[in-house]
Amino acid sequence: MSAAPLRRIAYLVLGWLVAGLLLLFWQLYAESAQELFLPTFASAATATWHLVTRSTLTSDVLPSVGRFAAGYAIGCVIGVAIGTPLGYLRALDPWVRPVLEFLRAMPATAILPLALLLLGTGGGMRVTVIAFGACWPVLLNAVDGARDVEPVLIETGKINGLGRYAVLRRIVLPASLPQIFAGLRTALGIALIVMVLSEMYGANSGLGYLILTSQRRFEVPETYGGVLVLGIIGWLVSVMFTRVERRALGWHYGRLGRDGSG
């Protein structure tokens, strides 16, 4: 076995070892401290298991995952669809830059009260807010990626008879993918955060609602269990995204002499 796979395995084992030691410290410290608001890891893990094996799976966990996925997908599509042409058609920049700078400086959580007034408390409002938060890192990275495309590539496409739309689709968009994927990764965390916060406002289901309700009822293990479920969802989404990124950007990592795992 070559050095690179061995190094990757060593990093993986070391990471899980550190995680295991931290969880052991949590368990031992909570047992000795006996704090009211610090359950042991065992009790928090039990609450987590109950959340994903009982009725809360369909009433809270899966609805949150659905809203997250829908909002993230919509925000990313809008970000790529708007950001790539804006980066390519530089003449549009003076017209749209002030609006973009204003909107991107507005935290997604700040529009929650407005969204409640305009869209009500249904799932559509939460998906809209998640999409708003996820859109901006993708859009801005798409703009930067399109602007950084080497001019010689664009000129070569034009010389070979490609029109403006064909150049955008066949040259600018593929060349912008590394930058776009950086925005997609950033948008994952933002979408997850906005999902939780949106479910704490006027909701009757979802992980954010469950965590807030458990905290108000002083159901401490259940509160920690909800947070652990969020962490597991975020980890799984990150792992799946990494696999998709490696496959989609294999040509890019090959050019850099990397395998996409670093």
C-alpha atoms as a PDB file:
ATOM      1  CA  MET A   1       0.000   0.000   0.000  1.00  0.00           C
ATOM      2  CA  SER A   2       1.363   3.417  -0.952  1.00  0.00           C
ATOM      3  CA  ALA A   3       2.023   6.233   1.481  1.00  0.00           C
ATOM      4  CA  ALA A   4      -1.023   8.341   0.552  1.00  0.00           C
ATOM      5  CA  PRO A   5      -3.709   5.721   1.495  1.00  0.00           C
ATOM      6  CA  LEU A   6      -1.838   4.902   4.709  1.00  0.00           C
ATOM      7  CA  ARG A   7      -1.690   8.580   5.616  1.00  0.00           C
ATOM      8  CA  ARG A   8      -5.420   8.937   4.920  1.00  0.00           C
ATOM      9  CA  ILE A   9      -6.233   5.940   7.114  1.00  0.00           C
ATOM     10  CA  ALA A  10      -4.022   7.306   9.896  1.00  0.00           C
ATOM     11  CA  TYR A  11      -5.800  10.675   9.757  1.00  0.00           C
ATOM     12  CA  LEU A  12      -9.183   8.932   9.883  1.00  0.00           C
ATOM     13  CA  VAL A  13      -8.235   6.767  12.862  1.00  0.00           C
ATOM     14  CA  LEU A  14      -6.727   9.742  14.686  1.00  0.00           C
ATOM     15  CA  GLY A  15      -9.870  11.809  14.103  1.00  0.00           C
ATOM     16  CA  TRP A  16     -12.170   9.119  15.465  1.00  0.00           C
ATOM     17  CA  LEU A  17      -9.820   8.554  18.413  1.00  0.00           C
ATOM     18  CA  VAL A  18      -9.953  12.230  19.358  1.00  0.00           C
ATOM     19  CA  ALA A  19     -13.752  12.237  19.010  1.00  0.00           C
ATOM     20  CA  GLY A  20     -13.997   9.145  21.219  1.00  0.00           C
ATOM     21  CA  LEU A  21     -11.784  10.708  23.890  1.00  0.00           C
ATOM     22  CA  LEU A  22     -13.890  13.869  23.920  1.00  0.00           C
ATOM     23  CA  LEU A  23     -17.076  11.856  24.349  1.00  0.00           C
ATOM     24  CA  LEU A  24     -15.462   9.833  27.142  1.00  0.00           C
ATOM     25  CA  PHE A  25     -14.444  13.071  28.868  1.00  0.00           C
ATOM     26  CA  TRP A  26     -18.036  14.334  28.532  1.00  0.00           C
ATOM     27  CA  GLN A  27     -19.373  11.137  30.098  1.00  0.00           C
ATOM     28  CA  LEU A  28     -16.911  11.088  33.010  1.00  0.00           C
ATOM     29  CA  TYR A  29     -17.177  14.819  33.732  1.00  0.00           C
ATOM     30  CA  ALA A  30     -20.994  14.793  33.672  1.00  0.00           C
ATOM     31  CA  GLU A  31     -21.075  11.805  36.031  1.00  0.00           C
ATOM     32  CA  SER A  32     -18.758  13.504  38.518  1.00  0.00           C
ATOM     33  CA  ALA A  33     -20.170  17.041  38.247  1.00  0.00           C
ATOM     34  CA  GLN A  34     -23.833  15.984  38.462  1.00  0.00           C
ATOM     35  CA  GLU A  35     -24.967  19.263  36.933  1.00  0.00           C
ATOM     36  CA  LEU A  36     -28.690  19.658  36.313  1.00  0.00           C
ATOM     37  CA  PHE A  37     -28.188  21.023  32.809  1.00  0.00           C
ATOM     38  CA  LEU A  38     -25.365  18.687  31.785  1.00  0.00           C
ATOM     39  CA  PRO A  39     -26.567  15.151  31.107  1.00  0.00           C
ATOM     40  CA  THR A  40     -24.157  12.310  30.546  1.00  0.00           C
ATOM     41  CA  PHE A  41     -23.281  11.365  27.009  1.00  0.00           C
ATOM     42  CA  ALA A  42     -25.089   8.056  27.513  1.00  0.00           C
ATOM     43  CA  SER A  43     -28.385   9.785  28.352  1.00  0.00           C
ATOM     44  CA  ALA A  44     -27.985  12.255  25.482  1.00  0.00           C
ATOM     45  CA  ALA A  45     -27.213   9.390  23.088  1.00  0.00           C
ATOM     46  CA  THR A  46     -30.301   7.529  24.314  1.00  0.00           C
ATOM     47  CA  ALA A  47     -32.432  10.607  23.670  1.00  0.00           C
ATOM     48  CA  THR A  48     -30.881  10.872  20.206  1.00  0.00           C
ATOM     49  CA  TRP A  49     -31.782   7.261  19.464  1.00  0.00           C
ATOM     50  CA  HIS A  50     -35.353   7.864  20.581  1.00  0.00           C
ATOM     51  CA  LEU A  51     -35.625  10.896  18.292  1.00  0.00           C
ATOM     52  CA  VAL A  52     -34.703   8.906  15.202  1.00  0.00           C
ATOM     53  CA  THR A  53     -36.618   5.709  16.033  1.00  0.00           C
ATOM     54  CA  ARG A  54     -39.939   7.001  17.346  1.00  0.00           C
ATOM     55  CA  SER A  55     -42.704   9.267  16.033  1.00  0.00           C
ATOM     56  CA  THR A  56     -40.413  12.298  16.179  1.00  0.00           C
ATOM     57  CA  LEU A  57     -38.583  10.911  13.144  1.00  0.00           C
ATOM     58  CA  THR A  58     -41.583  11.647  10.911  1.00  0.00           C
ATOM     59  CA  SER A  59     -42.961  14.612  12.856  1.00  0.00           C
ATOM     60  CA  ASP A  60     -39.732  16.589  13.374  1.00  0.00           C
ATOM     61  CA  VAL A  61     -36.540  15.098  11.916  1.00  0.00           C
ATOM     62  CA  LEU A  62     -37.648  14.278   8.370  1.00  0.00           C
ATOM     63  CA  PRO A  63     -39.608  17.543   7.884  1.00  0.00           C
ATOM     64  CA  SER A  64     -36.482  19.473   8.848  1.00  0.00           C
ATOM     65  CA  VAL A  65     -34.358  17.469   6.420  1.00  0.00           C
ATOM     66  CA  GLY A  66     -36.917  18.087   3.678  1.00  0.00           C
ATOM     67  CA  ARG A  67     -36.990  21.847   4.266  1.00  0.00           C
ATOM     68  CA  PHE A  68     -33.222  21.966   4.398  1.00  0.00           C
ATOM     69  CA  ALA A  69     -32.843  20.026   1.148  1.00  0.00           C
ATOM     70  CA  ALA A  70     -35.493  22.050  -0.694  1.00  0.00           C
ATOM     71  CA  GLY A  71     -34.215  25.434   0.473  1.00  0.00           C
ATOM     72  CA  TYR A  72     -30.595  24.531  -0.197  1.00  0.00           C
ATOM     73  CA  ALA A  73     -31.347  23.231  -3.686  1.00  0.00           C
ATOM     74  CA  ILE A  74     -33.431  26.267  -4.640  1.00  0.00           C
ATOM     75  CA  GLY A  75     -30.868  28.716  -3.262  1.00  0.00           C
ATOM     76  CA  CYS A  76     -27.981  26.996  -5.058  1.00  0.00           C
ATOM     77  CA  VAL A  77     -29.803  26.890  -8.404  1.00  0.00           C
ATOM     78  CA  ILE A  78     -30.665  30.580  -8.138  1.00  0.00           C
ATOM     79  CA  GLY A  79     -27.105  31.442  -7.111  1.00  0.00           C
ATOM     80  CA  VAL A  80     -25.544  29.629 -10.072  1.00  0.00           C
ATOM     81  CA  ALA A  81     -28.193  30.802 -12.552  1.00  0.00           C
ATOM     82  CA  ILE A  82     -27.722  34.465 -11.618  1.00  0.00           C
ATOM     83  CA  GLY A  83     -24.096  34.593 -10.526  1.00  0.00           C
ATOM     84  CA  THR A  84     -22.485  32.942 -13.559  1.00  0.00           C
ATOM     85  CA  PRO A  85     -24.003  35.317 -16.163  1.00  0.00           C
ATOM     86  CA  LEU A  86     -23.286  38.314 -13.961  1.00  0.00           C
ATOM     87  CA  GLY A  87     -19.636  37.348 -13.737  1.00  0.00           C
ATOM     88  CA  TYR A  88     -19.398  36.730 -17.469  1.00  0.00           C
ATOM     89  CA  LEU A  89     -21.295  39.847 -18.617  1.00  0.00           C
ATOM     90  CA  ARG A  90     -19.190  42.443 -16.846  1.00  0.00           C
ATOM     91  CA  ALA A  91     -21.185  45.324 -18.313  1.00  0.00           C
ATOM     92  CA  LEU A  92     -24.001  44.400 -15.915  1.00  0.00           C
ATOM     93  CA  ASP A  93     -21.832  44.864 -12.819  1.00  0.00           C
ATOM     94  CA  PRO A  94     -22.434  48.624 -12.297  1.00  0.00           C
ATOM     95  CA  TRP A  95     -26.182  48.045 -12.513  1.00  0.00           C
ATOM     96  CA  VAL A  96     -26.471  45.193 -10.052  1.00  0.00           C
ATOM     97  CA  ARG A  97     -23.506  45.602  -7.704  1.00  0.00           C
ATOM     98  CA  PRO A  98     -25.207  48.020  -5.225  1.00  0.00           C
ATOM     99  CA  VAL A  99     -28.249  45.740  -4.922  1.00  0.00           C
ATOM    100  CA  LEU A 100     -26.085  42.637  -4.465  1.00  0.00           C
ATOM    101  CA  GLU A 101     -23.932  44.286  -1.813  1.00  0.00           C
ATOM    102  CA  PHE A 102     -27.010  45.444   0.089  1.00  0.00           C
ATOM    103  CA  LEU A 103     -28.757  42.066   0.015  1.00  0.00           C
ATOM    104  CA  ARG A 104     -25.706  39.955   0.808  1.00  0.00           C
ATOM    105  CA  ALA A 105     -24.952  42.122   3.864  1.00  0.00           C
ATOM    106  CA  MET A 106     -28.402  41.309   5.252  1.00  0.00           C
ATOM    107  CA  PRO A 107     -28.318  38.212   7.488  1.00  0.00           C
ATOM    108  CA  ALA A 108     -30.858  35.599   6.472  1.00  0.00           C
ATOM    109  CA  THR A 109     -32.128  35.468  10.048  1.00  0.00           C
ATOM    110  CA  ALA A 110     -32.918  39.196   9.875  1.00  0.00           C
ATOM    111  CA  ILE A 111     -35.604  38.606   7.270  1.00  0.00           C
ATOM    112  CA  LEU A 112     -37.411  36.032   9.409  1.00  0.00           C
ATOM    113  CA  PRO A 113     -39.876  38.594  10.873  1.00  0.00           C
ATOM    114  CA  LEU A 114     -40.614  39.922   7.374  1.00  0.00           C
ATOM    115  CA  ALA A 115     -41.011  36.410   6.027  1.00  0.00           C
ATOM    116  CA  LEU A 116     -43.463  35.607   8.815  1.00  0.00           C
ATOM    117  CA  LEU A 117     -45.534  38.670   7.939  1.00  0.00           C
ATOM    118  CA  LEU A 118     -45.500  38.077   4.189  1.00  0.00           C
ATOM    119  CA  LEU A 119     -45.548  34.276   3.949  1.00  0.00           C
ATOM    120  CA  GLY A 120     -47.063  33.107   7.219  1.00  0.00           C
ATOM    121  CA  THR A 121     -45.791  30.294   9.396  1.00  0.00           C
ATOM    122  CA  GLY A 122     -45.991  27.423   6.901  1.00  0.00           C
ATOM    123  CA  GLY A 123     -43.190  25.332   5.495  1.00  0.00           C
ATOM    124  CA  GLY A 124     -42.984  27.549   2.417  1.00  0.00           C
ATOM    125  CA  MET A 125     -41.752  30.438   4.539  1.00  0.00           C
ATOM    126  CA  ARG A 126     -38.983  28.331   6.030  1.00  0.00           C
ATOM    127  CA  VAL A 127     -37.886  26.986   2.655  1.00  0.00           C
ATOM    128  CA  THR A 128     -37.805  30.546   1.305  1.00  0.00           C
ATOM    129  CA  VAL A 129     -35.630  31.808   4.150  1.00  0.00           C
ATOM    130  CA  ILE A 130     -33.264  28.843   3.827  1.00  0.00           C
ATOM    131  CA  ALA A 131     -32.991  29.461   0.078  1.00  0.00           C
ATOM    132  CA  PHE A 132     -32.253  33.142   0.708  1.00  0.00           C
ATOM    133  CA  GLY A 133     -29.426  32.291   3.084  1.00  0.00           C
ATOM    134  CA  ALA A 134     -27.938  29.595   0.854  1.00  0.00           C
ATOM    135  CA  CYS A 135     -28.130  31.679  -2.305  1.00  0.00           C
ATOM    136  CA  TRP A 136     -25.562  34.355  -1.523  1.00  0.00           C
ATOM    137  CA  PRO A 137     -22.325  32.414  -1.028  1.00  0.00           C
ATOM    138  CA  VAL A 138     -23.100  30.445  -4.196  1.00  0.00           C
ATOM    139  CA  LEU A 139     -23.989  33.547  -6.196  1.00  0.00           C
ATOM    140  CA  LEU A 140     -20.932  35.533  -5.143  1.00  0.00           C
ATOM    141  CA  ASN A 141     -18.563  32.626  -5.737  1.00  0.00           C
ATOM    142  CA  ALA A 142     -20.164  32.051  -9.141  1.00  0.00           C
ATOM    143  CA  VAL A 143     -19.582  35.713 -10.010  1.00  0.00           C
ATOM    144  CA  ASP A 144     -15.924  35.523  -8.973  1.00  0.00           C
ATOM    145  CA  GLY A 145     -15.436  32.196 -10.721  1.00  0.00           C
ATOM    146  CA  ALA A 146     -16.867  33.473 -14.001  1.00  0.00           C
ATOM    147  CA  ARG A 147     -14.714  36.580 -13.857  1.00  0.00           C
ATOM    148  CA  ASP A 148     -11.557  34.551 -13.289  1.00  0.00           C
ATOM    149  CA  VAL A 149     -12.001  32.404 -16.396  1.00  0.00           C
ATOM    150  CA  GLU A 150      -8.957  32.808 -18.610  1.00  0.00           C
ATOM    151  CA  PRO A 151      -9.806  35.160 -21.512  1.00  0.00           C
ATOM    152  CA  VAL A 152      -7.958  32.908 -23.943  1.00  0.00           C
ATOM    153  CA  LEU A 153     -10.534  30.167 -23.314  1.00  0.00           C
ATOM    154  CA  ILE A 154     -13.401  32.508 -24.116  1.00  0.00           C
ATOM    155  CA  GLU A 155     -11.681  33.833 -27.228  1.00  0.00           C
ATOM    156  CA  THR A 156     -10.959  30.303 -28.403  1.00  0.00           C
ATOM    157  CA  GLY A 157     -14.648  29.449 -28.084  1.00  0.00           C
ATOM    158  CA  LYS A 158     -15.655  32.517 -30.062  1.00  0.00           C
ATOM    159  CA  ILE A 159     -13.119  31.748 -32.784  1.00  0.00           C
ATOM    160  CA  ASN A 160     -14.631  28.270 -33.080  1.00  0.00           C
ATOM    161  CA  GLY A 161     -18.055  29.757 -33.723  1.00  0.00           C
ATOM    162  CA  LEU A 162     -19.623  29.553 -30.265  1.00  0.00           C
ATOM    163  CA  GLY A 163     -22.209  32.172 -29.467  1.00  0.00           C
ATOM    164  CA  ARG A 164     -22.426  34.038 -26.176  1.00  0.00           C
ATOM    165  CA  TYR A 165     -24.827  31.536 -24.598  1.00  0.00           C
ATOM    166  CA  ALA A 166     -22.754  28.571 -25.794  1.00  0.00           C
ATOM    167  CA  VAL A 167     -19.576  30.139 -24.386  1.00  0.00           C
ATOM    168  CA  LEU A 168     -21.340  30.671 -21.078  1.00  0.00           C
ATOM    169  CA  ARG A 169     -22.645  27.107 -20.924  1.00  0.00           C
ATOM    170  CA  ARG A 170     -19.699  25.180 -22.362  1.00  0.00           C
ATOM    171  CA  ILE A 171     -16.703  27.220 -21.203  1.00  0.00           C
ATOM    172  CA  VAL A 172     -17.492  29.726 -18.435  1.00  0.00           C
ATOM    173  CA  LEU A 173     -19.707  27.485 -16.289  1.00  0.00           C
ATOM    174  CA  PRO A 174     -17.368  24.431 -16.280  1.00  0.00           C
ATOM    175  CA  ALA A 175     -14.322  26.628 -15.622  1.00  0.00           C
ATOM    176  CA  SER A 176     -16.155  28.298 -12.719  1.00  0.00           C
ATOM    177  CA  LEU A 177     -17.073  25.025 -10.997  1.00  0.00           C
ATOM    178  CA  PRO A 178     -14.185  24.972  -8.462  1.00  0.00           C
ATOM    179  CA  GLN A 179     -15.214  28.401  -7.186  1.00  0.00           C
ATOM    180  CA  ILE A 180     -18.901  27.511  -7.316  1.00  0.00           C
ATOM    181  CA  PHE A 181     -18.340  24.361  -5.249  1.00  0.00           C
ATOM    182  CA  ALA A 182     -16.575  26.463  -2.624  1.00  0.00           C
ATOM    183  CA  GLY A 183     -19.762  28.518  -2.370  1.00  0.00           C
ATOM    184  CA  LEU A 184     -21.907  25.382  -2.294  1.00  0.00           C
ATOM    185  CA  ARG A 185     -19.932  24.062   0.665  1.00  0.00           C
ATOM    186  CA  THR A 186     -20.287  27.338   2.562  1.00  0.00           C
ATOM    187  CA  ALA A 187     -24.003  27.386   1.814  1.00  0.00           C
ATOM    188  CA  LEU A 188     -24.450  23.998   3.508  1.00  0.00           C
ATOM    189  CA  GLY A 189     -23.638  25.362   6.951  1.00  0.00           C
ATOM    190  CA  ILE A 190     -25.668  28.522   6.421  1.00  0.00           C
ATOM    191  CA  ALA A 191     -28.711  26.559   5.256  1.00  0.00           C
ATOM    192  CA  LEU A 192     -28.542  24.279   8.297  1.00  0.00           C
ATOM    193  CA  ILE A 193     -28.308  27.213  10.708  1.00  0.00           C
ATOM    194  CA  VAL A 194     -31.164  29.100   9.062  1.00  0.00           C
ATOM    195  CA  MET A 195     -33.283  25.933   9.056  1.00  0.00           C
ATOM    196  CA  VAL A 196     -32.963  25.587  12.832  1.00  0.00           C
ATOM    197  CA  LEU A 197     -33.642  29.262  13.531  1.00  0.00           C
ATOM    198  CA  SER A 198     -36.628  29.397  11.190  1.00  0.00           C
ATOM    199  CA  GLU A 199     -38.193  26.458  13.027  1.00  0.00           C
ATOM    200  CA  MET A 200     -37.964  28.334  16.310  1.00  0.00           C
ATOM    201  CA  TYR A 201     -40.398  30.999  15.065  1.00  0.00           C
ATOM    202  CA  GLY A 202     -44.060  30.063  15.004  1.00  0.00           C
ATOM    203  CA  ALA A 203     -43.421  26.435  14.078  1.00  0.00           C
ATOM    204  CA  ASN A 204     -45.170  23.304  15.285  1.00  0.00           C
ATOM    205  CA  SER A 205     -42.651  20.783  13.946  1.00  0.00           C
ATOM    206  CA  GLY A 206     -38.982  20.433  13.073  1.00  0.00           C
ATOM    207  CA  LEU A 207     -35.744  20.040  14.951  1.00  0.00           C
ATOM    208  CA  GLY A 208     -35.547  23.715  15.866  1.00  0.00           C
ATOM    209  CA  TYR A 209     -39.051  23.533  17.325  1.00  0.00           C
ATOM    210  CA  LEU A 210     -38.208  20.313  19.160  1.00  0.00           C
ATOM    211  CA  ILE A 211     -34.998  21.683  20.671  1.00  0.00           C
ATOM    212  CA  LEU A 212     -36.655  24.908  21.802  1.00  0.00           C
ATOM    213  CA  THR A 213     -39.675  23.076  23.234  1.00  0.00           C
ATOM    214  CA  SER A 214     -37.476  20.583  25.080  1.00  0.00           C
ATOM    215  CA  GLN A 215     -35.398  23.396  26.533  1.00  0.00           C
ATOM    216  CA  ARG A 216     -38.495  25.232  27.757  1.00  0.00           C
ATOM    217  CA  ARG A 217     -39.782  22.041  29.375  1.00  0.00           C
ATOM    218  CA  PHE A 218     -36.393  21.401  31.031  1.00  0.00           C
ATOM    219  CA  GLU A 219     -36.085  18.111  29.154  1.00  0.00           C
ATOM    220  CA  VAL A 220     -32.321  18.329  29.183  1.00  0.00           C
ATOM    221  CA  PRO A 221     -31.332  15.002  27.553  1.00  0.00           C
ATOM    222  CA  GLU A 222     -33.864  15.591  24.768  1.00  0.00           C
ATOM    223  CA  THR A 223     -32.436  19.070  24.161  1.00  0.00           C
ATOM    224  CA  TYR A 224     -28.932  17.652  23.793  1.00  0.00           C
ATOM    225  CA  GLY A 225     -30.328  14.814  21.697  1.00  0.00           C
ATOM    226  CA  GLY A 226     -31.801  17.290  19.223  1.00  0.00           C
ATOM    227  CA  VAL A 227     -28.470  19.066  18.943  1.00  0.00           C
ATOM    228  CA  LEU A 228     -26.695  15.744  18.377  1.00  0.00           C
ATOM    229  CA  VAL A 229     -29.167  14.855  15.613  1.00  0.00           C
ATOM    230  CA  LEU A 230     -28.380  18.183  13.953  1.00  0.00           C
ATOM    231  CA  GLY A 231     -24.688  17.422  14.185  1.00  0.00           C
ATOM    232  CA  ILE A 232     -25.176  13.980  12.646  1.00  0.00           C
ATOM    233  CA  ILE A 233     -27.229  15.452   9.799  1.00  0.00           C
ATOM    234  CA  GLY A 234     -24.576  18.081   9.152  1.00  0.00           C
ATOM    235  CA  TRP A 235     -21.832  15.456   9.159  1.00  0.00           C
ATOM    236  CA  LEU A 236     -23.686  13.152   6.770  1.00  0.00           C
ATOM    237  CA  VAL A 237     -24.457  16.012   4.405  1.00  0.00           C
ATOM    238  CA  SER A 238     -20.816  17.091   4.451  1.00  0.00           C
ATOM    239  CA  VAL A 239     -19.619  13.555   3.667  1.00  0.00           C
ATOM    240  CA  MET A 240     -22.046  13.217   0.753  1.00  0.00           C
ATOM    241  CA  PHE A 241     -21.107  16.639  -0.561  1.00  0.00           C
ATOM    242  CA  THR A 242     -17.414  15.751  -0.465  1.00  0.00           C
ATOM    243  CA  ARG A 243     -18.053  12.634  -2.542  1.00  0.00           C
ATOM    244  CA  VAL A 244     -20.030  14.605  -5.129  1.00  0.00           C
ATOM    245  CA  GLU A 245     -17.353  17.295  -5.218  1.00  0.00           C
ATOM    246  CA  ARG A 246     -14.573  14.769  -5.818  1.00  0.00           C
ATOM    247  CA  ARG A 247     -16.480  13.246  -8.714  1.00  0.00           C
ATOM    248  CA  ALA A 248     -17.510  16.563 -10.268  1.00  0.00           C
ATOM    249  CA  LEU A 249     -14.090  18.188  -9.894  1.00  0.00           C
ATOM    250  CA  GLY A 250     -11.899  15.176 -10.607  1.00  0.00           C
ATOM    251  CA  TRP A 251     -10.397  16.982 -13.597  1.00  0.00           C
ATOM    252  CA  HIS A 252      -9.564  19.983 -11.410  1.00  0.00           C
ATOM    253  CA  TYR A 253      -7.864  17.973  -8.667  1.00  0.00           C
ATOM    254  CA  GLY A 254      -6.011  15.966 -11.293  1.00  0.00           C
ATOM    255  CA  ARG A 255      -4.629  19.166 -12.766  1.00  0.00           C
ATOM    256  CA  LEU A 256      -3.492  20.261  -9.308  1.00  0.00           C
ATOM    257  CA  GLY A 257      -1.943  16.864  -8.580  1.00  0.00           C
ATOM    258  CA  ARG A 258      -4.445  16.090  -5.792  1.00  0.00           C
ATOM    259  CA  ASP A 259      -7.116  13.438  -5.314  1.00  0.00           C
ATOM    260  CA  GLY A 260      -9.720  15.735  -3.793  1.00  0.00           C
ATOM    261  CA  SER A 261      -9.459  14.297  -0.293  1.00  0.00           C
ATOM    262  CA  GLY A 262      -7.357  17.090   1.106  1.00  0.00           C
END
